[in-house]
Structure formats: C-alpha cells, structure tokens
Amino acid sequence: MRLYAKKCLTVIAVVLFAAVAWGSTRTDSTHYDVTQTMEIGHTQLKPGHYTLKANESQDQLRVMHDGKLVATVPCHWIKLHQKANNSEIFSNKSRVTRVEFQGREEAVRVG
C-alpha cells in the first residue's frame, strides 16, 4: 500500500511541476494599426488592424488579422535598458524591425 501511495504522490508532483513550468511562459501582445503597406519578415501587411503576439519561450512573432493568423515571423528576444513604458512598433522605412511590449525589459527584434 505504501508503494502505491508513493507512486501516486510522485505522479501528482510531476503533473504539478509540468503545469507550473507550462504556465510560466508569458505571451505578450500589442495592437498594430497599419496605415500604409508594411513588411514584416517576408509578409506584406496591407492597411488594417493587426495583433502582434510573442511568447517568451519561442523565437517567432505571430501576426493576427481579424482573429486569423496571417504570418509567423522569425524573431529573437533582446534586452532593453529599462522596461518599456508603452507597447511600440519600430520600423525602418516600410519594414517592421522591433516590437516592444509595455512593462517588459525585453523586446523582439524581427529579421
């Protein structure tokens, strides 16, 4: 009987640990209103309302339009000097280069 109880407790501990580890990754998102054609990665964004989402455990930025995934763009996380006061999208000409998320000391660099 004791062996059965130990096995049950071990399984419960593993499940709880996995749930905590899975839940500890954070997904950040920000809205992006495109007023002229922009490029993010190899995808052209036409004028409209988009949502940009990044998960801190992944090196990709997801671009959503009307609730649908329109692009998955490679990116990498960079450290900022201080937390971003606001979410902000940076671009060079018509190409998105970086996305900062409000309250984060990390941002994603696209490309």
N, C-alpha and C. Protein backbone atom coordinates (compact mmCIF):
# COMPACT_ATOMS: atom_id res chain seq x y z
N MET A 1 0.81 -1.19 0.00
CA MET A 1 0.00 0.00 0.00
C MET A 1 0.86 1.26 0.00
N ARG A 2 1.95 1.26 0.76
CA ARG A 2 2.83 2.43 0.80
C ARG A 2 3.46 2.71 -0.56
N LEU A 3 3.81 1.67 -1.29
CA LEU A 3 4.41 1.84 -2.60
C LEU A 3 3.41 2.50 -3.55
N TYR A 4 2.16 2.13 -3.48
CA TYR A 4 1.12 2.72 -4.30
C TYR A 4 0.97 4.20 -3.97
N ALA A 5 0.97 4.56 -2.71
CA ALA A 5 0.84 5.96 -2.29
C ALA A 5 2.03 6.78 -2.77
N LYS A 6 3.23 6.22 -2.70
CA LYS A 6 4.42 6.93 -3.18
C LYS A 6 4.34 7.17 -4.69
N LYS A 7 3.88 6.18 -5.43
CA LYS A 7 3.75 6.33 -6.87
C LYS A 7 2.72 7.42 -7.20
N CYS A 8 1.60 7.42 -6.47
CA CYS A 8 0.57 8.44 -6.70
C CYS A 8 1.11 9.83 -6.40
N LEU A 9 1.81 9.97 -5.30
CA LEU A 9 2.37 11.27 -4.94
C LEU A 9 3.42 11.72 -5.97
N THR A 10 4.19 10.79 -6.48
CA THR A 10 5.18 11.12 -7.49
C THR A 10 4.50 11.62 -8.77
N VAL A 11 3.46 10.92 -9.19
CA VAL A 11 2.73 11.32 -10.39
C VAL A 11 2.11 12.70 -10.20
N ILE A 12 1.52 12.94 -9.04
CA ILE A 12 0.91 14.24 -8.76
C ILE A 12 1.97 15.34 -8.78
N ALA A 13 3.13 15.08 -8.19
CA ALA A 13 4.20 16.07 -8.17
C ALA A 13 4.68 16.39 -9.58
N VAL A 14 4.83 15.38 -10.41
CA VAL A 14 5.29 15.59 -11.79
C VAL A 14 4.25 16.41 -12.57
N VAL A 15 2.97 16.08 -12.39
CA VAL A 15 1.92 16.82 -13.09
C VAL A 15 1.89 18.27 -12.64
N LEU A 16 2.01 18.52 -11.36
CA LEU A 16 2.02 19.90 -10.85
C LEU A 16 3.23 20.67 -11.36
N PHE A 17 4.39 20.03 -11.36
CA PHE A 17 5.60 20.68 -11.87
C PHE A 17 5.45 21.03 -13.34
N ALA A 18 4.91 20.11 -14.12
CA ALA A 18 4.70 20.37 -15.55
C ALA A 18 3.71 21.50 -15.76
N ALA A 19 2.66 21.56 -14.95
CA ALA A 19 1.67 22.63 -15.08
C ALA A 19 2.28 23.99 -14.76
N VAL A 20 3.11 24.04 -13.73
CA VAL A 20 3.77 25.30 -13.36
C VAL A 20 4.75 25.72 -14.45
N ALA A 21 5.54 24.77 -14.95
CA ALA A 21 6.51 25.09 -16.00
C ALA A 21 5.80 25.53 -17.28
N TRP A 22 4.72 24.88 -17.63
CA TRP A 22 3.97 25.23 -18.84
C TRP A 22 3.33 26.59 -18.70
N GLY A 23 2.81 26.89 -17.53
CA GLY A 23 2.13 28.16 -17.30
C GLY A 23 3.07 29.33 -17.07
N SER A 24 4.36 29.06 -16.93
CA SER A 24 5.29 30.15 -16.61
C SER A 24 5.75 30.92 -17.84
N THR A 25 5.51 30.40 -19.03
CA THR A 25 5.87 31.17 -20.21
C THR A 25 4.83 32.24 -20.45
N ARG A 26 5.28 33.37 -20.84
CA ARG A 26 4.41 34.53 -20.97
C ARG A 26 4.24 34.89 -22.44
N THR A 27 3.02 35.18 -22.81
CA THR A 27 2.74 35.66 -24.15
C THR A 27 2.37 37.13 -24.07
N ASP A 28 3.08 37.94 -24.84
CA ASP A 28 2.80 39.37 -24.91
C ASP A 28 2.13 39.66 -26.24
N SER A 29 1.27 40.67 -26.23
CA SER A 29 0.63 41.07 -27.48
C SER A 29 0.41 42.58 -27.49
N THR A 30 0.33 43.10 -28.68
CA THR A 30 0.04 44.51 -28.86
C THR A 30 -0.72 44.68 -30.17
N HIS A 31 -1.48 45.73 -30.24
CA HIS A 31 -2.23 46.04 -31.45
C HIS A 31 -1.38 46.90 -32.36
N TYR A 32 -1.60 46.74 -33.65
CA TYR A 32 -0.82 47.47 -34.65
C TYR A 32 -1.76 47.90 -35.77
N ASP A 33 -1.97 49.20 -35.87
CA ASP A 33 -2.80 49.75 -36.93
C ASP A 33 -1.90 50.16 -38.09
N VAL A 34 -2.01 49.45 -39.17
CA VAL A 34 -1.20 49.70 -40.36
C VAL A 34 -1.95 50.68 -41.26
N THR A 35 -1.31 51.80 -41.58
CA THR A 35 -1.96 52.81 -42.42
C THR A 35 -1.46 52.79 -43.86
N GLN A 36 -0.29 52.20 -44.07
CA GLN A 36 0.26 52.03 -45.41
C GLN A 36 0.86 50.63 -45.47
N THR A 37 1.06 50.11 -46.63
CA THR A 37 1.61 48.76 -46.76
C THR A 37 2.95 48.67 -46.04
N MET A 38 3.06 47.67 -45.15
CA MET A 38 4.28 47.43 -44.37
C MET A 38 4.73 46.01 -44.61
N GLU A 39 6.00 45.77 -44.33
CA GLU A 39 6.54 44.43 -44.46
C GLU A 39 7.04 43.97 -43.09
N ILE A 40 6.69 42.75 -42.75
CA ILE A 40 7.20 42.15 -41.51
C ILE A 40 7.68 40.76 -41.88
N GLY A 41 8.97 40.54 -41.72
CA GLY A 41 9.56 39.30 -42.24
C GLY A 41 9.43 39.31 -43.76
N HIS A 42 8.84 38.26 -44.31
CA HIS A 42 8.62 38.19 -45.76
C HIS A 42 7.15 38.40 -46.11
N THR A 43 6.39 38.95 -45.18
CA THR A 43 4.95 39.13 -45.37
C THR A 43 4.61 40.60 -45.52
N GLN A 44 3.80 40.91 -46.49
CA GLN A 44 3.31 42.28 -46.67
C GLN A 44 2.00 42.43 -45.90
N LEU A 45 1.93 43.49 -45.09
CA LEU A 45 0.71 43.80 -44.36
C LEU A 45 0.03 44.97 -45.06
N LYS A 46 -1.20 44.76 -45.45
CA LYS A 46 -1.99 45.83 -46.06
C LYS A 46 -2.60 46.66 -44.94
N PRO A 47 -3.02 47.87 -45.23
CA PRO A 47 -3.64 48.69 -44.18
C PRO A 47 -4.76 47.94 -43.47
N GLY A 48 -4.77 48.06 -42.15
CA GLY A 48 -5.77 47.38 -41.34
C GLY A 48 -5.31 47.27 -39.90
N HIS A 49 -6.10 46.57 -39.11
CA HIS A 49 -5.84 46.40 -37.67
C HIS A 49 -5.28 45.00 -37.43
N TYR A 50 -4.10 44.93 -36.83
CA TYR A 50 -3.41 43.66 -36.58
C TYR A 50 -3.11 43.52 -35.10
N THR A 51 -2.89 42.29 -34.68
CA THR A 51 -2.40 42.00 -33.34
C THR A 51 -1.10 41.23 -33.49
N LEU A 52 -0.05 41.68 -32.79
CA LEU A 52 1.24 41.01 -32.81
C LEU A 52 1.41 40.29 -31.49
N LYS A 53 1.74 39.00 -31.54
CA LYS A 53 1.88 38.18 -30.33
C LYS A 53 3.23 37.48 -30.32
N ALA A 54 3.87 37.51 -29.15
CA ALA A 54 5.16 36.84 -28.98
C ALA A 54 5.16 36.10 -27.66
N ASN A 55 5.63 34.87 -27.69
CA ASN A 55 5.76 34.06 -26.49
C ASN A 55 7.24 34.04 -26.11
N GLU A 56 7.53 34.32 -24.85
CA GLU A 56 8.93 34.46 -24.44
C GLU A 56 9.73 33.18 -24.60
N SER A 57 9.09 32.03 -24.74
CA SER A 57 9.82 30.78 -24.90
C SER A 57 10.01 30.40 -26.36
N GLN A 58 9.58 31.27 -27.28
CA GLN A 58 9.70 30.95 -28.70
C GLN A 58 10.37 32.11 -29.44
N ASP A 59 10.97 31.78 -30.55
CA ASP A 59 11.63 32.79 -31.38
C ASP A 59 10.80 33.05 -32.63
N GLN A 60 9.54 33.40 -32.39
CA GLN A 60 8.66 33.74 -33.51
C GLN A 60 7.62 34.75 -33.04
N LEU A 61 7.24 35.59 -33.96
CA LEU A 61 6.23 36.60 -33.73
C LEU A 61 5.03 36.23 -34.59
N ARG A 62 3.87 36.14 -33.97
CA ARG A 62 2.66 35.78 -34.72
C ARG A 62 1.90 37.06 -35.06
N VAL A 63 1.46 37.16 -36.29
CA VAL A 63 0.71 38.32 -36.76
C VAL A 63 -0.72 37.87 -37.04
N MET A 64 -1.68 38.50 -36.33
CA MET A 64 -3.08 38.13 -36.45
C MET A 64 -3.86 39.29 -37.09
N HIS A 65 -4.84 38.94 -37.92
CA HIS A 65 -5.73 39.93 -38.54
C HIS A 65 -7.14 39.35 -38.50
N ASP A 66 -8.06 40.06 -37.86
CA ASP A 66 -9.43 39.58 -37.69
C ASP A 66 -9.47 38.21 -37.03
N GLY A 67 -8.58 37.99 -36.05
CA GLY A 67 -8.57 36.73 -35.31
C GLY A 67 -7.92 35.57 -36.04
N LYS A 68 -7.38 35.81 -37.23
CA LYS A 68 -6.76 34.75 -38.02
C LYS A 68 -5.26 35.00 -38.13
N LEU A 69 -4.50 33.92 -38.05
CA LEU A 69 -3.05 34.00 -38.21
C LEU A 69 -2.71 34.29 -39.67
N VAL A 70 -2.02 35.40 -39.92
CA VAL A 70 -1.64 35.74 -41.29
C VAL A 70 -0.14 35.57 -41.53
N ALA A 71 0.65 35.52 -40.45
CA ALA A 71 2.09 35.33 -40.62
C ALA A 71 2.72 34.88 -39.30
N THR A 72 3.75 34.08 -39.45
CA THR A 72 4.63 33.72 -38.34
C THR A 72 6.02 34.15 -38.77
N VAL A 73 6.59 35.08 -38.01
CA VAL A 73 7.83 35.72 -38.41
C VAL A 73 8.95 35.36 -37.43
N PRO A 74 10.11 34.92 -37.93
CA PRO A 74 11.23 34.65 -37.03
C PRO A 74 11.65 35.94 -36.32
N CYS A 75 12.01 35.80 -35.06
CA CYS A 75 12.48 36.96 -34.29
C CYS A 75 13.40 36.45 -33.19
N HIS A 76 14.01 37.36 -32.49
CA HIS A 76 14.78 36.98 -31.30
C HIS A 76 14.59 38.05 -30.24
N TRP A 77 14.66 37.60 -29.00
CA TRP A 77 14.44 38.49 -27.86
C TRP A 77 15.72 39.25 -27.56
N ILE A 78 15.57 40.53 -27.28
CA ILE A 78 16.70 41.38 -26.90
C ILE A 78 16.38 42.05 -25.57
N LYS A 79 17.41 42.40 -24.85
CA LYS A 79 17.26 43.07 -23.55
C LYS A 79 17.25 44.58 -23.76
N LEU A 80 16.31 45.26 -23.12
CA LEU A 80 16.24 46.72 -23.17
C LEU A 80 16.95 47.29 -21.94
N HIS A 81 17.28 48.56 -21.98
CA HIS A 81 17.93 49.21 -20.85
C HIS A 81 16.97 49.39 -19.67
N GLN A 82 15.69 49.50 -19.98
CA GLN A 82 14.66 49.66 -18.95
C GLN A 82 13.34 49.13 -19.49
N LYS A 83 12.37 48.97 -18.62
CA LYS A 83 11.07 48.50 -19.05
C LYS A 83 10.44 49.50 -20.01
N ALA A 84 9.76 48.97 -21.00
CA ALA A 84 9.07 49.83 -21.97
C ALA A 84 7.85 50.46 -21.32
N ASN A 85 7.71 51.76 -21.45
CA ASN A 85 6.56 52.46 -20.88
C ASN A 85 5.28 52.12 -21.64
N ASN A 86 5.40 51.92 -22.94
CA ASN A 86 4.26 51.61 -23.80
C ASN A 86 4.67 50.53 -24.78
N SER A 87 3.69 49.86 -25.34
CA SER A 87 3.97 48.97 -26.46
C SER A 87 4.24 49.83 -27.67
N GLU A 88 5.26 49.45 -28.43
CA GLU A 88 5.65 50.28 -29.57
C GLU A 88 6.23 49.40 -30.67
N ILE A 89 5.89 49.73 -31.90
CA ILE A 89 6.41 49.02 -33.06
C ILE A 89 7.39 49.97 -33.76
N PHE A 90 8.61 49.49 -34.02
CA PHE A 90 9.63 50.28 -34.69
C PHE A 90 9.79 49.77 -36.11
N SER A 91 10.04 50.70 -37.02
CA SER A 91 10.22 50.30 -38.41
C SER A 91 11.32 51.13 -39.05
N ASN A 92 11.86 50.57 -40.11
CA ASN A 92 12.85 51.26 -40.94
C ASN A 92 12.24 51.32 -42.32
N LYS A 93 11.84 52.51 -42.72
CA LYS A 93 11.09 52.73 -43.97
C LYS A 93 9.77 51.98 -43.85
N SER A 94 9.56 50.96 -44.62
CA SER A 94 8.28 50.25 -44.56
C SER A 94 8.45 48.82 -44.03
N ARG A 95 9.49 48.58 -43.22
CA ARG A 95 9.77 47.25 -42.69
C ARG A 95 9.79 47.29 -41.15
N VAL A 96 8.97 46.45 -40.53
CA VAL A 96 8.96 46.35 -39.07
C VAL A 96 10.26 45.71 -38.62
N THR A 97 10.93 46.35 -37.64
CA THR A 97 12.23 45.86 -37.18
C THR A 97 12.23 45.41 -35.73
N ARG A 98 11.34 45.99 -34.90
CA ARG A 98 11.35 45.65 -33.47
C ARG A 98 9.98 45.93 -32.89
N VAL A 99 9.63 45.10 -31.88
CA VAL A 99 8.38 45.30 -31.16
C VAL A 99 8.68 45.29 -29.67
N GLU A 100 8.31 46.36 -28.99
CA GLU A 100 8.45 46.45 -27.54
C GLU A 100 7.06 46.30 -26.92
N PHE A 101 7.00 45.63 -25.78
CA PHE A 101 5.74 45.41 -25.09
C PHE A 101 5.75 46.16 -23.76
N GLN A 102 4.67 46.84 -23.48
CA GLN A 102 4.56 47.64 -22.27
C GLN A 102 4.90 46.82 -21.03
N GLY A 103 5.78 47.39 -20.19
CA GLY A 103 6.14 46.76 -18.93
C GLY A 103 7.20 45.68 -19.02
N ARG A 104 7.75 45.45 -20.21
CA ARG A 104 8.76 44.41 -20.39
C ARG A 104 10.14 45.01 -20.59
N GLU A 105 11.15 44.35 -20.04
CA GLU A 105 12.54 44.74 -20.28
C GLU A 105 13.11 44.04 -21.50
N GLU A 106 12.31 43.21 -22.13
CA GLU A 106 12.71 42.52 -23.35
C GLU A 106 11.82 42.97 -24.49
N ALA A 107 12.37 42.93 -25.69
CA ALA A 107 11.63 43.23 -26.90
C ALA A 107 11.98 42.17 -27.93
N VAL A 108 11.23 42.11 -29.01
CA VAL A 108 11.58 41.19 -30.08
C VAL A 108 12.11 41.97 -31.26
N ARG A 109 13.23 41.49 -31.78
CA ARG A 109 13.82 42.05 -33.00
C ARG A 109 13.43 41.13 -34.14
N VAL A 110 12.88 41.72 -35.17
CA VAL A 110 12.41 40.96 -36.33
C VAL A 110 13.51 40.95 -37.38
N GLY A 111 13.73 39.77 -37.96
CA GLY A 111 14.73 39.66 -39.02
C GLY A 111 16.05 39.13 -38.57
